[in-house]
């Protein structure tokens, strides 16, 4: 059975410098486009002017555990403050306390279902 095209195709044809430059620009543009859409993006919070940073290698379980502990601390602080206040300020503090408690429940539930690697 005869093939219509040689295997591999002949590449003996002459390519001008201008055509070669255009091909290189097209290849570079394609590489940039593919890198933009397919390469993982780096953390945007790792700016040099940021004081606090989170190591990108930390797993989800560790992050959720720390979140849960931070919410528990905030819960204790606002609870202590709310019971020292009276009137409308107390209601605001108790509202904040309720948001923290619900967030803590959500974080603990997420921690329960996180997949351990």
PDB file of N, CA and C in Angstrom:
ATOM      1  N   UNK A   1       0.842  -1.160   0.000  1.00  0.00           N
ATOM      2  CA  UNK A   1       0.000   0.000   0.000  1.00  0.00           C
ATOM      3  C   UNK A   1       0.894   1.231   0.000  1.00  0.00           C
ATOM      4  N   UNK A   2       0.692   2.132  -0.908  1.00  0.00           N
ATOM      5  CA  UNK A   2       1.513   3.317  -1.055  1.00  0.00           C
ATOM      6  C   UNK A   2       0.960   4.455  -0.209  1.00  0.00           C
ATOM      7  N   UNK A   3       1.878   5.214   0.429  1.00  0.00           N
ATOM      8  CA  UNK A   3       1.480   6.367   1.229  1.00  0.00           C
ATOM      9  C   UNK A   3       1.485   7.611   0.362  1.00  0.00           C
ATOM     10  N   UNK A   4       0.570   8.540   0.659  1.00  0.00           N
ATOM     11  CA  UNK A   4       0.544   9.804  -0.074  1.00  0.00           C
ATOM     12  C   UNK A   4       1.623  10.749   0.409  1.00  0.00           C
ATOM     13  N   UNK A   5       1.972  10.670   1.696  1.00  0.00           N
ATOM     14  CA  UNK A   5       2.996  11.552   2.252  1.00  0.00           C
ATOM     15  C   UNK A   5       4.148  10.703   2.767  1.00  0.00           C
ATOM     16  N   UNK A   6       5.359  11.249   2.670  1.00  0.00           N
ATOM     17  CA  UNK A   6       6.503  10.502   3.196  1.00  0.00           C
ATOM     18  C   UNK A   6       6.453  10.464   4.719  1.00  0.00           C
ATOM     19  N   UNK A   7       7.119   9.465   5.285  1.00  0.00           N
ATOM     20  CA  UNK A   7       7.132   9.321   6.727  1.00  0.00           C
ATOM     21  C   UNK A   7       8.560   9.426   7.213  1.00  0.00           C
ATOM     22  N   UNK A   8       9.053  10.382   7.879  1.00  0.00           N
ATOM     23  CA  UNK A   8       8.436  11.672   8.186  1.00  0.00           C
ATOM     24  C   UNK A   8       8.424  12.572   6.962  1.00  0.00           C
ATOM     25  N   UNK A   9       7.608  13.644   7.003  1.00  0.00           N
ATOM     26  CA  UNK A   9       7.538  14.525   5.837  1.00  0.00           C
ATOM     27  C   UNK A   9       8.883  15.177   5.549  1.00  0.00           C
ATOM     28  N   UNK A  10       9.110  15.483   4.304  1.00  0.00           N
ATOM     29  CA  UNK A  10      10.354  16.156   3.914  1.00  0.00           C
ATOM     30  C   UNK A  10      10.374  17.564   4.493  1.00  0.00           C
ATOM     31  N   UNK A  11      11.501  17.920   5.084  1.00  0.00           N
ATOM     32  CA  UNK A  11      11.657  19.277   5.624  1.00  0.00           C
ATOM     33  C   UNK A  11      12.808  19.972   4.930  1.00  0.00           C
ATOM     34  N   UNK A  12      13.068  19.616   3.709  1.00  0.00           N
ATOM     35  CA  UNK A  12      14.179  20.201   2.984  1.00  0.00           C
ATOM     36  C   UNK A  12      13.842  21.553   2.366  1.00  0.00           C
ATOM     37  N   UNK A  13      12.590  21.985   2.463  1.00  0.00           N
ATOM     38  CA  UNK A  13      12.246  23.257   1.841  1.00  0.00           C
ATOM     39  C   UNK A  13      12.872  24.403   2.624  1.00  0.00           C
ATOM     40  N   UNK A  14      13.259  25.442   1.910  1.00  0.00           N
ATOM     41  CA  UNK A  14      13.947  26.590   2.489  1.00  0.00           C
ATOM     42  C   UNK A  14      12.938  27.505   3.183  1.00  0.00           C
ATOM     43  N   UNK A  15      13.260  27.899   4.419  1.00  0.00           N
ATOM     44  CA  UNK A  15      12.416  28.835   5.168  1.00  0.00           C
ATOM     45  C   UNK A  15      13.206  30.117   5.344  1.00  0.00           C
ATOM     46  N   UNK A  16      12.590  31.228   4.970  1.00  0.00           N
ATOM     47  CA  UNK A  16      13.276  32.513   5.085  1.00  0.00           C
ATOM     48  C   UNK A  16      13.415  32.913   6.551  1.00  0.00           C
ATOM     49  N   UNK A  17      14.293  33.884   6.797  1.00  0.00           N
ATOM     50  CA  UNK A  17      14.478  34.362   8.161  1.00  0.00           C
ATOM     51  C   UNK A  17      13.211  35.017   8.692  1.00  0.00           C
ATOM     52  N   UNK A  18      12.520  35.739   7.834  1.00  0.00           N
ATOM     53  CA  UNK A  18      11.284  36.399   8.254  1.00  0.00           C
ATOM     54  C   UNK A  18      10.237  35.354   8.654  1.00  0.00           C
ATOM     55  N   UNK A  19      10.109  34.302   7.827  1.00  0.00           N
ATOM     56  CA  UNK A  19       9.150  33.240   8.139  1.00  0.00           C
ATOM     57  C   UNK A  19       9.550  32.512   9.426  1.00  0.00           C
ATOM     58  N   UNK A  20      10.853  32.297   9.604  1.00  0.00           N
ATOM     59  CA  UNK A  20      11.348  31.654  10.807  1.00  0.00           C
ATOM     60  C   UNK A  20      11.045  32.511  12.044  1.00  0.00           C
ATOM     61  N   UNK A  21      11.226  33.825  11.933  1.00  0.00           N
ATOM     62  CA  UNK A  21      10.933  34.738  13.041  1.00  0.00           C
ATOM     63  C   UNK A  21       9.448  34.730  13.365  1.00  0.00           C
ATOM     64  N   UNK A  22       8.601  34.730  12.322  1.00  0.00           N
ATOM     65  CA  UNK A  22       7.149  34.674  12.528  1.00  0.00           C
ATOM     66  C   UNK A  22       6.752  33.371  13.213  1.00  0.00           C
ATOM     67  N   UNK A  23       7.347  32.262  12.780  1.00  0.00           N
ATOM     68  CA  UNK A  23       7.048  30.978  13.403  1.00  0.00           C
ATOM     69  C   UNK A  23       7.453  30.975  14.876  1.00  0.00           C
ATOM     70  N   UNK A  24       8.619  31.584  15.180  1.00  0.00           N
ATOM     71  CA  UNK A  24       9.075  31.650  16.565  1.00  0.00           C
ATOM     72  C   UNK A  24       8.131  32.495  17.398  1.00  0.00           C
ATOM     73  N   UNK A  25       7.660  33.631  16.853  1.00  0.00           N
ATOM     74  CA  UNK A  25       6.725  34.481  17.591  1.00  0.00           C
ATOM     75  C   UNK A  25       5.415  33.738  17.862  1.00  0.00           C
ATOM     76  N   UNK A  26       4.951  32.995  16.877  1.00  0.00           N
ATOM     77  CA  UNK A  26       3.706  32.239  17.043  1.00  0.00           C
ATOM     78  C   UNK A  26       3.893  31.148  18.097  1.00  0.00           C
ATOM     79  N   UNK A  27       5.044  30.465  18.046  1.00  0.00           N
ATOM     80  CA  UNK A  27       5.322  29.432  19.041  1.00  0.00           C
ATOM     81  C   UNK A  27       5.415  30.026  20.448  1.00  0.00           C
ATOM     82  N   UNK A  28       6.088  31.184  20.562  1.00  0.00           N
ATOM     83  CA  UNK A  28       6.200  31.839  21.863  1.00  0.00           C
ATOM     84  C   UNK A  28       4.835  32.273  22.388  1.00  0.00           C
ATOM     85  N   UNK A  29       4.004  32.817  21.511  1.00  0.00           N
ATOM     86  CA  UNK A  29       2.661  33.244  21.919  1.00  0.00           C
ATOM     87  C   UNK A  29       1.821  32.046  22.360  1.00  0.00           C
ATOM     88  N   UNK A  30       1.929  30.951  21.631  1.00  0.00           N
ATOM     89  CA  UNK A  30       1.182  29.751  22.004  1.00  0.00           C
ATOM     90  C   UNK A  30       1.653  29.223  23.355  1.00  0.00           C
ATOM     91  N   UNK A  31       2.956  29.243  23.590  1.00  0.00           N
ATOM     92  CA  UNK A  31       3.495  28.784  24.868  1.00  0.00           C
ATOM     93  C   UNK A  31       3.004  29.661  26.007  1.00  0.00           C
ATOM     94  N   UNK A  32       3.019  30.990  25.819  1.00  0.00           N
ATOM     95  CA  UNK A  32       2.526  31.895  26.857  1.00  0.00           C
ATOM     96  C   UNK A  32       1.049  31.654  27.145  1.00  0.00           C
ATOM     97  N   UNK A  33       0.255  31.466  26.089  1.00  0.00           N
ATOM     98  CA  UNK A  33      -1.182  31.232  26.269  1.00  0.00           C
ATOM     99  C   UNK A  33      -1.434  29.929  27.021  1.00  0.00           C
ATOM    100  N   UNK A  34      -0.729  28.879  26.642  1.00  0.00           N
ATOM    101  CA  UNK A  34      -0.903  27.600  27.332  1.00  0.00           C
ATOM    102  C   UNK A  34      -0.444  27.682  28.784  1.00  0.00           C
ATOM    103  N   UNK A  35       0.671  28.377  29.030  1.00  0.00           N
ATOM    104  CA  UNK A  35       1.157  28.530  30.395  1.00  0.00           C
ATOM    105  C   UNK A  35       0.153  29.325  31.235  1.00  0.00           C
ATOM    106  N   UNK A  36      -0.452  30.343  30.639  1.00  0.00           N
ATOM    107  CA  UNK A  36      -1.412  31.174  31.367  1.00  0.00           C
ATOM    108  C   UNK A  36      -2.608  30.346  31.820  1.00  0.00           C
ATOM    109  N   UNK A  37      -3.101  29.486  30.952  1.00  0.00           N
ATOM    110  CA  UNK A  37      -4.302  28.730  31.274  1.00  0.00           C
ATOM    111  C   UNK A  37      -4.032  27.386  31.954  1.00  0.00           C
ATOM    112  N   UNK A  38      -2.877  26.789  31.746  1.00  0.00           N
ATOM    113  CA  UNK A  38      -2.660  25.440  32.239  1.00  0.00           C
ATOM    114  C   UNK A  38      -1.687  25.320  33.403  1.00  0.00           C
ATOM    115  N   UNK A  39      -0.772  26.272  33.551  1.00  0.00           N
ATOM    116  CA  UNK A  39       0.168  26.191  34.667  1.00  0.00           C
ATOM    117  C   UNK A  39      -0.514  26.635  35.942  1.00  0.00           C
ATOM    118  N   UNK A  40      -0.219  25.987  37.073  1.00  0.00           N
ATOM    119  CA  UNK A  40      -0.821  26.420  38.330  1.00  0.00           C
ATOM    120  C   UNK A  40      -0.351  27.821  38.682  1.00  0.00           C
ATOM    121  N   UNK A  41      -1.284  28.592  39.163  1.00  0.00           N
ATOM    122  CA  UNK A  41      -0.961  29.972  39.530  1.00  0.00           C
ATOM    123  C   UNK A  41      -0.354  30.001  40.922  1.00  0.00           C
ATOM    124  N   UNK A  42       0.589  30.894  41.139  1.00  0.00           N
ATOM    125  CA  UNK A  42       1.201  31.023  42.454  1.00  0.00           C
ATOM    126  C   UNK A  42       0.243  31.782  43.362  1.00  0.00           C
ATOM    127  N   UNK A  43       0.474  31.675  44.648  1.00  0.00           N
ATOM    128  CA  UNK A  43      -0.373  32.347  45.625  1.00  0.00           C
ATOM    129  C   UNK A  43      -0.240  33.850  45.449  1.00  0.00           C
ATOM    130  N   UNK A  44      -1.370  34.559  45.399  1.00  0.00           N
ATOM    131  CA  UNK A  44      -1.329  36.008  45.261  1.00  0.00           C
ATOM    132  C   UNK A  44      -1.100  36.684  46.599  1.00  0.00           C
ATOM    133  N   UNK A  45      -1.316  35.958  47.711  1.00  0.00           N
ATOM    134  CA  UNK A  45      -1.129  36.560  49.027  1.00  0.00           C
ATOM    135  C   UNK A  45       0.332  36.570  49.458  1.00  0.00           C
ATOM    136  N   UNK A  46       1.234  36.018  48.664  1.00  0.00           N
ATOM    137  CA  UNK A  46       2.644  35.979  49.013  1.00  0.00           C
ATOM    138  C   UNK A  46       3.384  37.226  48.520  1.00  0.00           C
ATOM    139  N   UNK A  47       2.785  38.370  48.724  1.00  0.00           N
ATOM    140  CA  UNK A  47       3.434  39.621  48.341  1.00  0.00           C
ATOM    141  C   UNK A  47       4.520  39.940  49.354  1.00  0.00           C
ATOM    142  N   UNK A  48       5.516  40.657  48.922  1.00  0.00           N
ATOM    143  CA  UNK A  48       6.624  40.957  49.821  1.00  0.00           C
ATOM    144  C   UNK A  48       6.227  41.950  50.909  1.00  0.00           C
ATOM    145  N   UNK A  49       5.117  42.702  50.721  1.00  0.00           N
ATOM    146  CA  UNK A  49       4.701  43.661  51.730  1.00  0.00           C
ATOM    147  C   UNK A  49       3.766  43.051  52.771  1.00  0.00           C
ATOM    148  N   UNK A  50       3.481  41.759  52.654  1.00  0.00           N
ATOM    149  CA  UNK A  50       2.612  41.073  53.595  1.00  0.00           C
ATOM    150  C   UNK A  50       3.409  40.620  54.804  1.00  0.00           C
ATOM    151  N   UNK A  51       2.847  40.838  55.985  1.00  0.00           N
ATOM    152  CA  UNK A  51       3.546  40.436  57.205  1.00  0.00           C
ATOM    153  C   UNK A  51       3.328  38.954  57.482  1.00  0.00           C
ATOM    154  N   UNK A  52       2.093  38.511  57.314  1.00  0.00           N
ATOM    155  CA  UNK A  52       1.756  37.127  57.610  1.00  0.00           C
ATOM    156  C   UNK A  52       1.615  36.344  56.317  1.00  0.00           C
ATOM    157  N   UNK A  53       2.189  35.165  56.294  1.00  0.00           N
ATOM    158  CA  UNK A  53       2.111  34.299  55.118  1.00  0.00           C
ATOM    159  C   UNK A  53       1.767  32.885  55.565  1.00  0.00           C
ATOM    160  N   UNK A  54       1.101  32.160  54.691  1.00  0.00           N
ATOM    161  CA  UNK A  54       0.797  30.757  54.949  1.00  0.00           C
ATOM    162  C   UNK A  54       1.587  29.932  53.954  1.00  0.00           C
ATOM    163  N   UNK A  55       2.293  28.961  54.457  1.00  0.00           N
ATOM    164  CA  UNK A  55       3.098  28.090  53.616  1.00  0.00           C
ATOM    165  C   UNK A  55       2.199  27.374  52.609  1.00  0.00           C
ATOM    166  N   UNK A  56       2.489  27.486  51.297  1.00  0.00           N
ATOM    167  CA  UNK A  56       1.649  26.828  50.295  1.00  0.00           C
ATOM    168  C   UNK A  56       1.638  25.307  50.414  1.00  0.00           C
ATOM    169  N   UNK A  57       2.585  24.734  51.131  1.00  0.00           N
ATOM    170  CA  UNK A  57       2.652  23.291  51.265  1.00  0.00           C
ATOM    171  C   UNK A  57       1.788  22.729  52.393  1.00  0.00           C
ATOM    172  N   UNK A  58       1.126  23.617  53.156  1.00  0.00           N
ATOM    173  CA  UNK A  58       0.306  23.158  54.275  1.00  0.00           C
ATOM    174  C   UNK A  58      -0.965  22.510  53.728  1.00  0.00           C
ATOM    175  N   UNK A  59      -1.328  21.355  54.288  1.00  0.00           N
ATOM    176  CA  UNK A  59      -2.511  20.641  53.793  1.00  0.00           C
ATOM    177  C   UNK A  59      -3.798  21.219  54.381  1.00  0.00           C
ATOM    178  N   UNK A  60      -4.929  20.833  53.790  1.00  0.00           N
ATOM    179  CA  UNK A  60      -6.242  21.359  54.173  1.00  0.00           C
ATOM    180  C   UNK A  60      -6.593  21.030  55.620  1.00  0.00           C
ATOM    181  N   UNK A  61      -6.234  19.852  56.073  1.00  0.00           N
ATOM    182  CA  UNK A  61      -6.568  19.459  57.441  1.00  0.00           C
ATOM    183  C   UNK A  61      -5.901  20.382  58.453  1.00  0.00           C
ATOM    184  N   UNK A  62      -4.663  20.708  58.228  1.00  0.00           N
ATOM    185  CA  UNK A  62      -3.936  21.596  59.137  1.00  0.00           C
ATOM    186  C   UNK A  62      -4.546  23.004  59.119  1.00  0.00           C
ATOM    187  N   UNK A  63      -4.885  23.485  57.918  1.00  0.00           N
ATOM    188  CA  UNK A  63      -5.502  24.813  57.810  1.00  0.00           C
ATOM    189  C   UNK A  63      -6.841  24.850  58.540  1.00  0.00           C
ATOM    190  N   UNK A  64      -7.659  23.825  58.354  1.00  0.00           N
ATOM    191  CA  UNK A  64      -8.969  23.791  58.998  1.00  0.00           C
ATOM    192  C   UNK A  64      -8.835  23.662  60.513  1.00  0.00           C
ATOM    193  N   UNK A  65      -7.872  22.900  60.977  1.00  0.00           N
ATOM    194  CA  UNK A  65      -7.662  22.758  62.419  1.00  0.00           C
ATOM    195  C   UNK A  65      -7.274  24.094  63.033  1.00  0.00           C
ATOM    196  N   UNK A  66      -6.387  24.824  62.377  1.00  0.00           N
ATOM    197  CA  UNK A  66      -5.995  26.138  62.889  1.00  0.00           C
ATOM    198  C   UNK A  66      -7.147  27.128  62.821  1.00  0.00           C
ATOM    199  N   UNK A  67      -7.944  27.061  61.765  1.00  0.00           N
ATOM    200  CA  UNK A  67      -9.122  27.918  61.661  1.00  0.00           C
ATOM    201  C   UNK A  67     -10.080  27.646  62.809  1.00  0.00           C
ATOM    202  N   UNK A  68     -10.312  26.391  63.096  1.00  0.00           N
ATOM    203  CA  UNK A  68     -11.208  26.015  64.191  1.00  0.00           C
ATOM    204  C   UNK A  68     -10.690  26.541  65.534  1.00  0.00           C
ATOM    205  N   UNK A  69      -9.390  26.421  65.775  1.00  0.00           N
ATOM    206  CA  UNK A  69      -8.806  26.930  67.017  1.00  0.00           C
ATOM    207  C   UNK A  69      -8.907  28.450  67.110  1.00  0.00           C
ATOM    208  N   UNK A  70      -8.689  29.144  65.996  1.00  0.00           N
ATOM    209  CA  UNK A  70      -8.807  30.598  65.997  1.00  0.00           C
ATOM    210  C   UNK A  70     -10.241  31.042  66.272  1.00  0.00           C
ATOM    211  N   UNK A  71     -11.206  30.329  65.693  1.00  0.00           N
ATOM    212  CA  UNK A  71     -12.604  30.661  65.950  1.00  0.00           C
ATOM    213  C   UNK A  71     -12.975  30.396  67.405  1.00  0.00           C
ATOM    214  N   UNK A  72     -12.437  29.331  67.983  1.00  0.00           N
ATOM    215  CA  UNK A  72     -12.698  29.049  69.401  1.00  0.00           C
ATOM    216  C   UNK A  72     -12.127  30.163  70.278  1.00  0.00           C
ATOM    217  N   UNK A  73     -10.955  30.667  69.939  1.00  0.00           N
ATOM    218  CA  UNK A  73     -10.361  31.777  70.697  1.00  0.00           C
ATOM    219  C   UNK A  73     -11.198  33.040  70.561  1.00  0.00           C
ATOM    220  N   UNK A  74     -11.638  33.343  69.336  1.00  0.00           N
ATOM    221  CA  UNK A  74     -12.488  34.517  69.120  1.00  0.00           C
ATOM    222  C   UNK A  74     -13.806  34.363  69.868  1.00  0.00           C
ATOM    223  N   UNK A  75     -14.336  33.153  69.906  1.00  0.00           N
ATOM    224  CA  UNK A  75     -15.571  32.872  70.634  1.00  0.00           C
ATOM    225  C   UNK A  75     -15.394  33.195  72.117  1.00  0.00           C
ATOM    226  N   UNK A  76     -14.298  32.744  72.696  1.00  0.00           N
ATOM    227  CA  UNK A  76     -14.039  32.997  74.114  1.00  0.00           C
ATOM    228  C   UNK A  76     -13.885  34.489  74.398  1.00  0.00           C
ATOM    229  N   UNK A  77     -13.181  35.204  73.527  1.00  0.00           N
ATOM    230  CA  UNK A  77     -12.960  36.633  73.745  1.00  0.00           C
ATOM    231  C   UNK A  77     -14.258  37.426  73.649  1.00  0.00           C
ATOM    232  N   UNK A  78     -15.050  37.172  72.605  1.00  0.00           N
ATOM    233  CA  UNK A  78     -16.279  37.944  72.424  1.00  0.00           C
ATOM    234  C   UNK A  78     -17.316  37.561  73.469  1.00  0.00           C
ATOM    235  N   UNK A  79     -17.304  36.303  73.914  1.00  0.00           N
ATOM    236  CA  UNK A  79     -18.220  35.866  74.971  1.00  0.00           C
ATOM    237  C   UNK A  79     -17.916  36.613  76.268  1.00  0.00           C
ATOM    238  N   UNK A  80     -16.648  36.705  76.610  1.00  0.00           N
ATOM    239  CA  UNK A  80     -16.240  37.428  77.802  1.00  0.00           C
ATOM    240  C   UNK A  80     -16.637  38.900  77.704  1.00  0.00           C
ATOM    241  N   UNK A  81     -16.432  39.492  76.536  1.00  0.00           N
ATOM    242  CA  UNK A  81     -16.775  40.892  76.331  1.00  0.00           C
ATOM    243  C   UNK A  81     -18.284  41.112  76.381  1.00  0.00           C
ATOM    244  N   UNK A  82     -19.061  40.211  75.766  1.00  0.00           N
ATOM    245  CA  UNK A  82     -20.514  40.387  75.685  1.00  0.00           C
ATOM    246  C   UNK A  82     -21.160  40.405  77.064  1.00  0.00           C
ATOM    247  N   UNK A  83     -20.635  39.621  77.995  1.00  0.00           N
ATOM    248  CA  UNK A  83     -21.252  39.564  79.313  1.00  0.00           C
ATOM    249  C   UNK A  83     -20.825  40.723  80.218  1.00  0.00           C
ATOM    250  N   UNK A  84     -19.903  41.554  79.755  1.00  0.00           N
ATOM    251  CA  UNK A  84     -19.544  42.770  80.472  1.00  0.00           C
ATOM    252  C   UNK A  84     -20.298  43.983  79.941  1.00  0.00           C
ATOM    253  N   UNK A  85     -21.052  43.835  78.848  1.00  0.00           N
ATOM    254  CA  UNK A  85     -21.759  44.944  78.219  1.00  0.00           C
ATOM    255  C   UNK A  85     -23.235  44.924  78.574  1.00  0.00           C
ATOM    256  N   UNK A  86     -23.884  46.056  78.353  1.00  0.00           N
ATOM    257  CA  UNK A  86     -25.320  46.175  78.574  1.00  0.00           C
ATOM    258  C   UNK A  86     -25.972  46.791  77.345  1.00  0.00           C
ATOM    259  N   UNK A  87     -27.261  46.524  77.186  1.00  0.00           N
ATOM    260  CA  UNK A  87     -28.069  47.181  76.171  1.00  0.00           C
ATOM    261  C   UNK A  87     -27.736  46.753  74.752  1.00  0.00           C
ATOM    262  N   UNK A  88     -27.743  47.746  73.850  1.00  0.00           N
ATOM    263  CA  UNK A  88     -27.556  47.492  72.417  1.00  0.00           C
ATOM    264  C   UNK A  88     -26.160  46.936  72.118  1.00  0.00           C
ATOM    265  N   UNK A  89     -25.165  47.398  72.837  1.00  0.00           N
ATOM    266  CA  UNK A  89     -23.801  46.896  72.620  1.00  0.00           C
ATOM    267  C   UNK A  89     -23.698  45.412  72.939  1.00  0.00           C
ATOM    268  N   UNK A  90     -24.411  44.981  73.944  1.00  0.00           N
ATOM    269  CA  UNK A  90     -24.424  43.560  74.292  1.00  0.00           C
ATOM    270  C   UNK A  90     -25.077  42.741  73.179  1.00  0.00           C
ATOM    271  N   UNK A  91     -26.156  43.266  72.607  1.00  0.00           N
ATOM    272  CA  UNK A  91     -26.826  42.561  71.514  1.00  0.00           C
ATOM    273  C   UNK A  91     -25.917  42.443  70.286  1.00  0.00           C
ATOM    274  N   UNK A  92     -25.154  43.491  70.013  1.00  0.00           N
ATOM    275  CA  UNK A  92     -24.202  43.447  68.888  1.00  0.00           C
ATOM    276  C   UNK A  92     -23.130  42.396  69.158  1.00  0.00           C
ATOM    277  N   UNK A  93     -22.592  42.403  70.359  1.00  0.00           N
ATOM    278  CA  UNK A  93     -21.551  41.428  70.710  1.00  0.00           C
ATOM    279  C   UNK A  93     -22.095  40.000  70.663  1.00  0.00           C
ATOM    280  N   UNK A  94     -23.324  39.791  71.107  1.00  0.00           N
ATOM    281  CA  UNK A  94     -23.919  38.458  71.050  1.00  0.00           C
ATOM    282  C   UNK A  94     -24.192  38.035  69.605  1.00  0.00           C
ATOM    283  N   UNK A  95     -24.530  38.998  68.745  1.00  0.00           N
ATOM    284  CA  UNK A  95     -24.681  38.690  67.320  1.00  0.00           C
ATOM    285  C   UNK A  95     -23.367  38.249  66.705  1.00  0.00           C
ATOM    286  N   UNK A  96     -22.292  38.943  67.045  1.00  0.00           N
ATOM    287  CA  UNK A  96     -20.960  38.557  66.569  1.00  0.00           C
ATOM    288  C   UNK A  96     -20.595  37.181  67.104  1.00  0.00           C
ATOM    289  N   UNK A  97     -20.934  36.935  68.363  1.00  0.00           N
ATOM    290  CA  UNK A  97     -20.673  35.637  68.976  1.00  0.00           C
ATOM    291  C   UNK A  97     -21.391  34.521  68.225  1.00  0.00           C
ATOM    292  N   UNK A  98     -22.629  34.776  67.832  1.00  0.00           N
ATOM    293  CA  UNK A  98     -23.386  33.750  67.111  1.00  0.00           C
ATOM    294  C   UNK A  98     -22.763  33.468  65.739  1.00  0.00           C
ATOM    295  N   UNK A  99     -22.311  34.503  65.034  1.00  0.00           N
ATOM    296  CA  UNK A  99     -21.651  34.299  63.738  1.00  0.00           C
ATOM    297  C   UNK A  99     -20.376  33.485  63.915  1.00  0.00           C
ATOM    298  N   UNK A 100     -19.620  33.768  64.949  1.00  0.00           N
ATOM    299  CA  UNK A 100     -18.384  33.012  65.214  1.00  0.00           C
ATOM    300  C   UNK A 100     -18.711  31.558  65.532  1.00  0.00           C
ATOM    301  N   UNK A 101     -19.748  31.327  66.332  1.00  0.00           N
ATOM    302  CA  UNK A 101     -20.109  29.961  66.688  1.00  0.00           C
ATOM    303  C   UNK A 101     -20.559  29.160  65.470  1.00  0.00           C
ATOM    304  N   UNK A 102     -21.357  29.781  64.592  1.00  0.00           N
ATOM    305  CA  UNK A 102     -21.788  29.086  63.375  1.00  0.00           C
ATOM    306  C   UNK A 102     -20.580  28.807  62.480  1.00  0.00           C
ATOM    307  N   UNK A 103     -19.669  29.766  62.377  1.00  0.00           N
ATOM    308  CA  UNK A 103     -18.453  29.560  61.579  1.00  0.00           C
ATOM    309  C   UNK A 103     -17.607  28.445  62.156  1.00  0.00           C
ATOM    310  N   UNK A 104     -17.554  28.373  63.476  1.00  0.00           N
ATOM    311  CA  UNK A 104     -16.800  27.302  64.125  1.00  0.00           C
ATOM    312  C   UNK A 104     -17.427  25.941  63.833  1.00  0.00           C
ATOM    313  N   UNK A 105     -18.761  25.861  63.861  1.00  0.00           N
ATOM    314  CA  UNK A 105     -19.441  24.617  63.513  1.00  0.00           C
ATOM    315  C   UNK A 105     -19.136  24.207  62.070  1.00  0.00           C
ATOM    316  N   UNK A 106     -19.158  25.174  61.151  1.00  0.00           N
ATOM    317  CA  UNK A 106     -18.854  24.885  59.748  1.00  0.00           C
ATOM    318  C   UNK A 106     -17.416  24.397  59.583  1.00  0.00           C
ATOM    319  N   UNK A 107     -16.479  25.053  60.263  1.00  0.00           N
ATOM    320  CA  UNK A 107     -15.075  24.657  60.163  1.00  0.00           C
ATOM    321  C   UNK A 107     -14.877  23.253  60.733  1.00  0.00           C
ATOM    322  N   UNK A 108     -15.531  22.960  61.848  1.00  0.00           N
ATOM    323  CA  UNK A 108     -15.393  21.622  62.442  1.00  0.00           C
ATOM    324  C   UNK A 108     -16.010  20.555  61.546  1.00  0.00           C
ATOM    325  N   UNK A 109     -17.131  20.865  60.910  1.00  0.00           N
ATOM    326  CA  UNK A 109     -17.747  19.901  59.987  1.00  0.00           C
ATOM    327  C   UNK A 109     -16.830  19.676  58.789  1.00  0.00           C
ATOM    328  N   UNK A 110     -16.252  20.744  58.244  1.00  0.00           N
ATOM    329  CA  UNK A 110     -15.308  20.595  57.123  1.00  0.00           C
ATOM    330  C   UNK A 110     -14.100  19.775  57.545  1.00  0.00           C
ATOM    331  N   UNK A 111     -13.657  19.975  58.780  1.00  0.00           N
ATOM    332  CA  UNK A 111     -12.522  19.202  59.287  1.00  0.00           C
ATOM    333  C   UNK A 111     -12.878  17.722  59.421  1.00  0.00           C
ATOM    334  N   UNK A 112     -14.140  17.428  59.741  1.00  0.00           N
ATOM    335  CA  UNK A 112     -14.575  16.035  59.859  1.00  0.00           C
ATOM    336  C   UNK A 112     -14.580  15.314  58.512  1.00  0.00           C
ATOM    337  N   UNK A 113     -14.880  16.059  57.416  1.00  0.00           N
ATOM    338  CA  UNK A 113     -15.019  15.388  56.120  1.00  0.00           C
ATOM    339  C   UNK A 113     -13.803  15.576  55.212  1.00  0.00           C
ATOM    340  N   UNK A 114     -12.786  16.279  55.675  1.00  0.00           N
ATOM    341  CA  UNK A 114     -11.615  16.489  54.826  1.00  0.00           C
ATOM    342  C   UNK A 114     -10.917  15.144  54.600  1.00  0.00           C
ATOM    343  N   UNK A 115     -10.441  14.958  53.391  1.00  0.00           N
ATOM    344  CA  UNK A 115      -9.738  13.727  53.059  1.00  0.00           C
ATOM    345  C   UNK A 115      -8.298  13.810  53.524  1.00  0.00           C
ATOM    346  N   UNK A 116      -7.908  12.869  54.344  1.00  0.00           N
ATOM    347  CA  UNK A 116      -6.533  12.823  54.834  1.00  0.00           C
ATOM    348  C   UNK A 116      -5.684  12.154  53.768  1.00  0.00           C
ATOM    349  N   UNK A 117      -4.544  12.773  53.464  1.00  0.00           N
ATOM    350  CA  UNK A 117      -3.667  12.231  52.423  1.00  0.00           C
ATOM    351  C   UNK A 117      -2.755  11.202  52.988  1.00  0.00           C
TER     352      UNK A 117
END
